[in-house]
Amino acid sequence: MIAPALWKKSSFSGGGEGNDCVEIAHLDTHISIRDSKAPARATLTFPTAAFAPFIEALRETHPTGL
C-alpha cells in the first residue's frame, strides 16, 4: 500500500465541496490513481512513461471533461 502522505488530490476536484476527485501518487517507477471517495478500493497503476499517453488519450476521447 502507498503511504497516505504520497497521495495528492487533483486540482480539478469538481464543484461544491470538491468531492468529485481523484488522487495521484507519483513514485519512482510508477504513478497510481485512486478515487478520493473510496481510497481503500482498487487503484490504477501505470509505469511512469505510460501515464502521459494515458492522459492524452483521455483528453482526445473526452475533450471537455479533462
PDB file of N, CA and C in Angstrom:
ATOM      1  N   MET A   1       0.850  -1.181   0.000  1.00  0.00           N
ATOM      2  CA  MET A   1       0.000   0.000   0.000  1.00  0.00           C
ATOM      3  C   MET A   1       0.894   1.242   0.000  1.00  0.00           C
ATOM      4  N   ILE A   2       0.439   2.287  -0.650  1.00  0.00           N
ATOM      5  CA  ILE A   2       1.193   3.528  -0.750  1.00  0.00           C
ATOM      6  C   ILE A   2       0.893   4.384   0.479  1.00  0.00           C
ATOM      7  N   ALA A   3       1.922   4.983   1.061  1.00  0.00           N
ATOM      8  CA  ALA A   3       1.772   5.815   2.254  1.00  0.00           C
ATOM      9  C   ALA A   3       0.800   6.962   1.984  1.00  0.00           C
ATOM     10  N   PRO A   4      -0.074   7.283   2.959  1.00  0.00           N
ATOM     11  CA  PRO A   4      -1.070   8.344   2.768  1.00  0.00           C
ATOM     12  C   PRO A   4      -0.474   9.694   2.388  1.00  0.00           C
ATOM     13  N   ALA A   5       0.702  10.018   2.880  1.00  0.00           N
ATOM     14  CA  ALA A   5       1.303  11.322   2.595  1.00  0.00           C
ATOM     15  C   ALA A   5       1.677  11.478   1.126  1.00  0.00           C
ATOM     16  N   LEU A   6       1.809  10.379   0.392  1.00  0.00           N
ATOM     17  CA  LEU A   6       2.200  10.454  -1.009  1.00  0.00           C
ATOM     18  C   LEU A   6       1.037  10.751  -1.949  1.00  0.00           C
ATOM     19  N   TRP A   7      -0.200  10.593  -1.489  1.00  0.00           N
ATOM     20  CA  TRP A   7      -1.365  10.852  -2.325  1.00  0.00           C
ATOM     21  C   TRP A   7      -1.650  12.342  -2.385  1.00  0.00           C
ATOM     22  N   LYS A   8      -1.870  12.858  -3.597  1.00  0.00           N
ATOM     23  CA  LYS A   8      -2.210  14.267  -3.785  1.00  0.00           C
ATOM     24  C   LYS A   8      -3.524  14.355  -4.544  1.00  0.00           C
ATOM     25  N   LYS A   9      -4.400  15.223  -4.084  1.00  0.00           N
ATOM     26  CA  LYS A   9      -5.706  15.408  -4.714  1.00  0.00           C
ATOM     27  C   LYS A   9      -5.552  16.228  -5.984  1.00  0.00           C
ATOM     28  N   SER A  10      -6.304  15.862  -6.991  1.00  0.00           N
ATOM     29  CA  SER A  10      -6.298  16.591  -8.258  1.00  0.00           C
ATOM     30  C   SER A  10      -6.741  18.031  -8.072  1.00  0.00           C
ATOM     31  N   SER A  11      -6.170  18.928  -8.869  1.00  0.00           N
ATOM     32  CA  SER A  11      -6.603  20.326  -8.827  1.00  0.00           C
ATOM     33  C   SER A  11      -7.964  20.502  -9.493  1.00  0.00           C
ATOM     34  N   PHE A  12      -8.445  19.493 -10.220  1.00  0.00           N
ATOM     35  CA  PHE A  12      -9.766  19.508 -10.856  1.00  0.00           C
ATOM     36  C   PHE A  12     -10.718  18.701  -9.995  1.00  0.00           C
ATOM     37  N   SER A  13     -11.021  19.191  -8.806  1.00  0.00           N
ATOM     38  CA  SER A  13     -11.793  18.402  -7.848  1.00  0.00           C
ATOM     39  C   SER A  13     -13.291  18.621  -7.931  1.00  0.00           C
ATOM     40  N   GLY A  14     -13.760  19.286  -8.955  1.00  0.00           N
ATOM     41  CA  GLY A  14     -15.193  19.448  -9.133  1.00  0.00           C
ATOM     42  C   GLY A  14     -15.756  20.581  -8.298  1.00  0.00           C
ATOM     43  N   GLY A  15     -17.035  20.831  -8.457  1.00  0.00           N
ATOM     44  CA  GLY A  15     -17.693  21.919  -7.735  1.00  0.00           C
ATOM     45  C   GLY A  15     -18.106  21.514  -6.341  1.00  0.00           C
ATOM     46  N   GLY A  16     -18.832  22.379  -5.706  1.00  0.00           N
ATOM     47  CA  GLY A  16     -19.334  22.086  -4.361  1.00  0.00           C
ATOM     48  C   GLY A  16     -18.219  21.917  -3.358  1.00  0.00           C
ATOM     49  N   GLU A  17     -18.223  20.796  -2.678  1.00  0.00           N
ATOM     50  CA  GLU A  17     -17.226  20.530  -1.646  1.00  0.00           C
ATOM     51  C   GLU A  17     -15.945  19.923  -2.211  1.00  0.00           C
ATOM     52  N   GLY A  18     -15.877  19.757  -3.510  1.00  0.00           N
ATOM     53  CA  GLY A  18     -14.677  19.204  -4.116  1.00  0.00           C
ATOM     54  C   GLY A  18     -14.524  17.711  -3.906  1.00  0.00           C
ATOM     55  N   ASN A  19     -15.641  17.011  -3.787  1.00  0.00           N
ATOM     56  CA  ASN A  19     -15.582  15.572  -3.509  1.00  0.00           C
ATOM     57  C   ASN A  19     -15.475  14.708  -4.757  1.00  0.00           C
ATOM     58  N   ASP A  20     -15.710  15.268  -5.945  1.00  0.00           N
ATOM     59  CA  ASP A  20     -15.614  14.501  -7.185  1.00  0.00           C
ATOM     60  C   ASP A  20     -14.171  14.577  -7.665  1.00  0.00           C
ATOM     61  N   CYS A  21     -13.348  13.709  -7.144  1.00  0.00           N
ATOM     62  CA  CYS A  21     -11.926  13.898  -7.345  1.00  0.00           C
ATOM     63  C   CYS A  21     -11.176  12.572  -7.415  1.00  0.00           C
ATOM     64  N   VAL A  22     -10.018  12.662  -8.013  1.00  0.00           N
ATOM     65  CA  VAL A  22      -9.074  11.545  -7.974  1.00  0.00           C
ATOM     66  C   VAL A  22      -7.833  12.010  -7.232  1.00  0.00           C
ATOM     67  N   GLU A  23      -7.101  11.052  -6.708  1.00  0.00           N
ATOM     68  CA  GLU A  23      -5.834  11.321  -6.055  1.00  0.00           C
ATOM     69  C   GLU A  23      -4.747  10.578  -6.818  1.00  0.00           C
ATOM     70  N   ILE A  24      -3.568  11.158  -6.853  1.00  0.00           N
ATOM     71  CA  ILE A  24      -2.454  10.587  -7.608  1.00  0.00           C
ATOM     72  C   ILE A  24      -1.249  10.456  -6.686  1.00  0.00           C
ATOM     73  N   ALA A  25      -0.561   9.326  -6.773  1.00  0.00           N
ATOM     74  CA  ALA A  25       0.704   9.117  -6.063  1.00  0.00           C
ATOM     75  C   ALA A  25       1.773   8.865  -7.112  1.00  0.00           C
ATOM     76  N   HIS A  26       2.819   9.681  -7.100  1.00  0.00           N
ATOM     77  CA  HIS A  26       3.909   9.559  -8.067  1.00  0.00           C
ATOM     78  C   HIS A  26       5.120   8.967  -7.358  1.00  0.00           C
ATOM     79  N   LEU A  27       5.491   7.764  -7.759  1.00  0.00           N
ATOM     80  CA  LEU A  27       6.666   7.094  -7.202  1.00  0.00           C
ATOM     81  C   LEU A  27       7.736   6.996  -8.284  1.00  0.00           C
ATOM     82  N   ASP A  28       8.888   6.485  -7.944  1.00  0.00           N
ATOM     83  CA  ASP A  28       9.999   6.424  -8.901  1.00  0.00           C
ATOM     84  C   ASP A  28       9.662   5.686 -10.190  1.00  0.00           C
ATOM     85  N   THR A  29       8.995   4.564 -10.087  1.00  0.00           N
ATOM     86  CA  THR A  29       8.784   3.718 -11.260  1.00  0.00           C
ATOM     87  C   THR A  29       7.362   3.705 -11.785  1.00  0.00           C
ATOM     88  N   HIS A  30       6.414   4.269 -11.032  1.00  0.00           N
ATOM     89  CA  HIS A  30       5.026   4.233 -11.483  1.00  0.00           C
ATOM     90  C   HIS A  30       4.218   5.376 -10.887  1.00  0.00           C
ATOM     91  N   ILE A  31       3.024   5.545 -11.442  1.00  0.00           N
ATOM     92  CA  ILE A  31       2.053   6.516 -10.955  1.00  0.00           C
ATOM     93  C   ILE A  31       0.761   5.751 -10.688  1.00  0.00           C
ATOM     94  N   SER A  32       0.179   5.990  -9.507  1.00  0.00           N
ATOM     95  CA  SER A  32      -1.078   5.334  -9.150  1.00  0.00           C
ATOM     96  C   SER A  32      -2.173   6.375  -9.017  1.00  0.00           C
ATOM     97  N   ILE A  33      -3.390   5.964  -9.362  1.00  0.00           N
ATOM     98  CA  ILE A  33      -4.563   6.833  -9.305  1.00  0.00           C
ATOM     99  C   ILE A  33      -5.645   6.107  -8.517  1.00  0.00           C
ATOM    100  N   ARG A  34      -6.362   6.856  -7.661  1.00  0.00           N
ATOM    101  CA  ARG A  34      -7.483   6.263  -6.916  1.00  0.00           C
ATOM    102  C   ARG A  34      -8.599   7.279  -6.769  1.00  0.00           C
ATOM    103  N   ASP A  35      -9.775   6.798  -6.447  1.00  0.00           N
ATOM    104  CA  ASP A  35     -10.942   7.637  -6.190  1.00  0.00           C
ATOM    105  C   ASP A  35     -10.825   8.187  -4.773  1.00  0.00           C
ATOM    106  N   SER A  36     -10.886   9.498  -4.620  1.00  0.00           N
ATOM    107  CA  SER A  36     -10.728  10.095  -3.289  1.00  0.00           C
ATOM    108  C   SER A  36     -11.872   9.736  -2.341  1.00  0.00           C
ATOM    109  N   LYS A  37     -13.031   9.375  -2.889  1.00  0.00           N
ATOM    110  CA  LYS A  37     -14.166   8.993  -2.050  1.00  0.00           C
ATOM    111  C   LYS A  37     -14.067   7.559  -1.558  1.00  0.00           C
ATOM    112  N   ALA A  38     -13.228   6.749  -2.206  1.00  0.00           N
ATOM    113  CA  ALA A  38     -13.094   5.330  -1.842  1.00  0.00           C
ATOM    114  C   ALA A  38     -11.622   4.920  -1.898  1.00  0.00           C
ATOM    115  N   PRO A  39     -10.778   5.510  -1.048  1.00  0.00           N
ATOM    116  CA  PRO A  39      -9.343   5.265  -1.144  1.00  0.00           C
ATOM    117  C   PRO A  39      -8.920   3.827  -0.865  1.00  0.00           C
ATOM    118  N   ALA A  40      -9.737   3.053  -0.181  1.00  0.00           N
ATOM    119  CA  ALA A  40      -9.375   1.668   0.106  1.00  0.00           C
ATOM    120  C   ALA A  40      -9.666   0.727  -1.060  1.00  0.00           C
ATOM    121  N   ARG A  41     -10.398   1.208  -2.037  1.00  0.00           N
ATOM    122  CA  ARG A  41     -10.708   0.388  -3.203  1.00  0.00           C
ATOM    123  C   ARG A  41      -9.515   0.303  -4.134  1.00  0.00           C
ATOM    124  N   ALA A  42      -9.699  -0.336  -5.238  1.00  0.00           N
ATOM    125  CA  ALA A  42      -8.628  -0.564  -6.209  1.00  0.00           C
ATOM    126  C   ALA A  42      -8.045   0.732  -6.761  1.00  0.00           C
ATOM    127  N   THR A  43      -6.801   0.662  -7.171  1.00  0.00           N
ATOM    128  CA  THR A  43      -6.132   1.779  -7.812  1.00  0.00           C
ATOM    129  C   THR A  43      -5.727   1.381  -9.225  1.00  0.00           C
ATOM    130  N   LEU A  44      -5.541   2.371 -10.073  1.00  0.00           N
ATOM    131  CA  LEU A  44      -4.938   2.152 -11.387  1.00  0.00           C
ATOM    132  C   LEU A  44      -3.468   2.503 -11.239  1.00  0.00           C
ATOM    133  N   THR A  45      -2.589   1.654 -11.754  1.00  0.00           N
ATOM    134  CA  THR A  45      -1.161   1.909 -11.651  1.00  0.00           C
ATOM    135  C   THR A  45      -0.535   1.789 -13.023  1.00  0.00           C
ATOM    136  N   PHE A  46       0.286   2.785 -13.375  1.00  0.00           N
ATOM    137  CA  PHE A  46       0.919   2.856 -14.689  1.00  0.00           C
ATOM    138  C   PHE A  46       2.426   3.021 -14.522  1.00  0.00           C
ATOM    139  N   PRO A  47       3.208   2.445 -15.432  1.00  0.00           N
ATOM    140  CA  PRO A  47       4.620   2.828 -15.470  1.00  0.00           C
ATOM    141  C   PRO A  47       4.668   4.337 -15.743  1.00  0.00           C
ATOM    142  N   THR A  48       5.632   5.016 -15.178  1.00  0.00           N
ATOM    143  CA  THR A  48       5.712   6.469 -15.319  1.00  0.00           C
ATOM    144  C   THR A  48       5.643   6.927 -16.769  1.00  0.00           C
ATOM    145  N   ALA A  49       6.344   6.244 -17.657  1.00  0.00           N
ATOM    146  CA  ALA A  49       6.372   6.639 -19.070  1.00  0.00           C
ATOM    147  C   ALA A  49       5.018   6.469 -19.760  1.00  0.00           C
ATOM    148  N   ALA A  50       4.134   5.644 -19.229  1.00  0.00           N
ATOM    149  CA  ALA A  50       2.834   5.397 -19.855  1.00  0.00           C
ATOM    150  C   ALA A  50       1.751   6.365 -19.372  1.00  0.00           C
ATOM    151  N   PHE A  51       2.021   7.124 -18.306  1.00  0.00           N
ATOM    152  CA  PHE A  51       0.989   7.977 -17.741  1.00  0.00           C
ATOM    153  C   PHE A  51       0.586   9.125 -18.668  1.00  0.00           C
ATOM    154  N   ALA A  52       1.545   9.837 -19.238  1.00  0.00           N
ATOM    155  CA  ALA A  52       1.219  10.955 -20.134  1.00  0.00           C
ATOM    156  C   ALA A  52       0.414  10.495 -21.349  1.00  0.00           C
ATOM    157  N   PRO A  53       0.788   9.400 -22.023  1.00  0.00           N
ATOM    158  CA  PRO A  53      -0.058   8.935 -23.135  1.00  0.00           C
ATOM    159  C   PRO A  53      -1.476   8.538 -22.685  1.00  0.00           C
ATOM    160  N   PHE A  54      -1.604   8.001 -21.480  1.00  0.00           N
ATOM    161  CA  PHE A  54      -2.920   7.655 -20.944  1.00  0.00           C
ATOM    162  C   PHE A  54      -3.784   8.911 -20.795  1.00  0.00           C
ATOM    163  N   ILE A  55      -3.232   9.962 -20.190  1.00  0.00           N
ATOM    164  CA  ILE A  55      -3.970  11.218 -20.012  1.00  0.00           C
ATOM    165  C   ILE A  55      -4.315  11.840 -21.362  1.00  0.00           C
ATOM    166  N   GLU A  56      -3.380  11.807 -22.294  1.00  0.00           N
ATOM    167  CA  GLU A  56      -3.646  12.361 -23.628  1.00  0.00           C
ATOM    168  C   GLU A  56      -4.787  11.612 -24.320  1.00  0.00           C
ATOM    169  N   ALA A  57      -4.813  10.292 -24.189  1.00  0.00           N
ATOM    170  CA  ALA A  57      -5.911   9.506 -24.774  1.00  0.00           C
ATOM    171  C   ALA A  57      -7.245   9.891 -24.149  1.00  0.00           C
ATOM    172  N   LEU A  58      -7.263  10.132 -22.838  1.00  0.00           N
ATOM    173  CA  LEU A  58      -8.498  10.584 -22.185  1.00  0.00           C
ATOM    174  C   LEU A  58      -8.940  11.933 -22.735  1.00  0.00           C
ATOM    175  N   ARG A  59      -8.000  12.843 -22.913  1.00  0.00           N
ATOM    176  CA  ARG A  59      -8.346  14.164 -23.447  1.00  0.00           C
ATOM    177  C   ARG A  59      -8.925  14.068 -24.854  1.00  0.00           C
ATOM    178  N   GLU A  60      -8.416  13.168 -25.647  1.00  0.00           N
ATOM    179  CA  GLU A  60      -8.913  13.012 -27.022  1.00  0.00           C
ATOM    180  C   GLU A  60     -10.319  12.458 -27.042  1.00  0.00           C
ATOM    181  N   THR A  61     -10.655  11.577 -26.106  1.00  0.00           N
ATOM    182  CA  THR A  61     -11.988  10.991 -26.104  1.00  0.00           C
ATOM    183  C   THR A  61     -12.997  11.801 -25.305  1.00  0.00           C
ATOM    184  N   HIS A  62     -12.527  12.652 -24.386  1.00  0.00           N
ATOM    185  CA  HIS A  62     -13.404  13.482 -23.551  1.00  0.00           C
ATOM    186  C   HIS A  62     -12.823  14.891 -23.490  1.00  0.00           C
ATOM    187  N   PRO A  63     -12.820  15.634 -24.581  1.00  0.00           N
ATOM    188  CA  PRO A  63     -12.138  16.932 -24.628  1.00  0.00           C
ATOM    189  C   PRO A  63     -12.655  17.970 -23.637  1.00  0.00           C
ATOM    190  N   THR A  64     -13.894  17.900 -23.227  1.00  0.00           N
ATOM    191  CA  THR A  64     -14.407  18.894 -22.283  1.00  0.00           C
ATOM    192  C   THR A  64     -14.333  18.416 -20.852  1.00  0.00           C
ATOM    193  N   GLY A  65     -14.014  17.143 -20.646  1.00  0.00           N
ATOM    194  CA  GLY A  65     -14.021  16.580 -19.285  1.00  0.00           C
ATOM    195  C   GLY A  65     -12.695  16.609 -18.581  1.00  0.00           C
ATOM    196  N   LEU A  66     -11.600  16.981 -19.268  1.00  0.00           N
ATOM    197  CA  LEU A  66     -10.302  16.998 -18.591  1.00  0.00           C
ATOM    198  C   LEU A  66      -9.664  18.354 -18.687  1.00  0.00           C
TER     199      LEU A  66
END
